Amino acid sequence: MNLKMLGSIAIVAGTAIGGGMLALPLATAALGIMPAIMLLVVIWGLSAYTSLLMLEINLRAGVGDNVHGITGKTLGKVGQLIQGASFLSLLFALTMVYLMGGSSLLETRLEPLLGVDLNNQVSVLLFTLIFGGFIAIGVTWIDKVSRVLFTAMVVLLVLVVAFLLPEVNIVASLTNFSANVAEGDKLDQLWLAAIPVVFTSFGFHVCIATIVRYLDGDAVSLRKILLIGSTIPLFCYILWLLVTLGTLGGETVHGFAGSLPDLVNALQGVAQSAIVSQFIDLFANLALITSFLGVTMSLFDYVAELTRARDDKAGRAKTWLITFVPPLLCALYYPDGFFQVLGFAAIPLVVMIIFLPIAMALKQRKAQMGGYEVAGGNLALGVTGLLGVMIVLAQLMVALG
């Protein structure tokens, strides 16, 4: 395996792993560790299959085309419009998620240092100005910083898991807390809330077209990259759930009601070590910041392309405002919806990586274009489409109460 393949695997894994990892324990705590792991495996299988389906579409449409171009070639202007709307909705939702999560962690860090109580709106504004300001500097510089931050995040994850694994209560890990959920919480509602969040946590597909171009359309190597790259997050997520739910217990994590600071503080209490507590704090912050930079960089570039903004100070300022003002306003007035909004992001993600790829694959296969084709035939496409419908319905039922 050469360096290009290893680098591509890191890109796939790194695109998936991020702020979603912090939401997983909060979203799945009431299910119990074994049901949560089963859900992870099923969603991983769905994500791995859809990544190979998108590889098939990319190779047949032409190496070097981006997702927008591929959709236009296959489904025309209507397909491009749906794809573009889904892409913008996804990135705006994720930006809002990371603004909320990052600001809540920033608030808990700054209050002891400054000696003042910061309200959530001030924290959101500070996080946007500090870290959102980097986006206006340029992609090249952000790319280099992101690599360093992601490497540090992975190292910290390994250290945190290594320190906390001995504290895992095996009996507590295997206990299904769903049998004792809080009064008023129904098991079916807990599952419905967890499914979209878990699905969004495996959303690495936006980088596939870039990797296909980088590997010059080598189907054999690309298939290995996507399978290995999607499996790394699965193992990371399983270890993280074992560490969080196995040390704190599902009932405790469920009681945090989606609060990231509460989860981080509780894990720091389990560590009983100042150094490990700092590792946990840094890991949580880096997980959010790396995801925030990656998502907002993509959104900034996409907005610049749509608006045809000039690459000067005025043009970049205009693009920055369009990129950050809509999610900022939502984060200011909906501050406690971290994993709820992450779940909402599953809807445009389903459209982008399930519904549209199925439509494109059916059209390409009908034309008998030849080349690489993912196994499973139309049966696999049908099952995948059905799962996509189930994920959308799950999120809509959660939203409608």
Foldseek 3Di string as FASTA:
>chain_A
DDPLLVVLLCLLQLLLFFLLLLCQLQLCLQQALVVSLVLLVVLLVLLLQLLLLVLVLLLLQDAPDALLVSQCVQPNPVSSVLLVVLLLLLLLLLLLLLLLQLLLLVQVVVCVVVVDHDDSLVSSVVCCCPLVVVLLVDDVVLVVVLVVLSVLLVVLLVVLLVLQVVLFAPVLRRDNNNVPADPPDHPLLSVLLNNLSSNLSSLSNNCSSVSCNSVVNPSVSSSVSSSSSSVVVSVSSSSSSRRQCRNQNSRRSNVVLQRSVVSLVVSLVSSPDPVNNVSSSSSSNSSSSSNSSVSLSVQLVSQCVVVVFDSDPVSSVVSSCVSPVVSSVVCSVPSRCNSLSSSVSSLSSLVNSQVSSLSSSVSVVVVVSDDDDRPDPVNVSVVSVVVSVSSVVSSVVSVVD
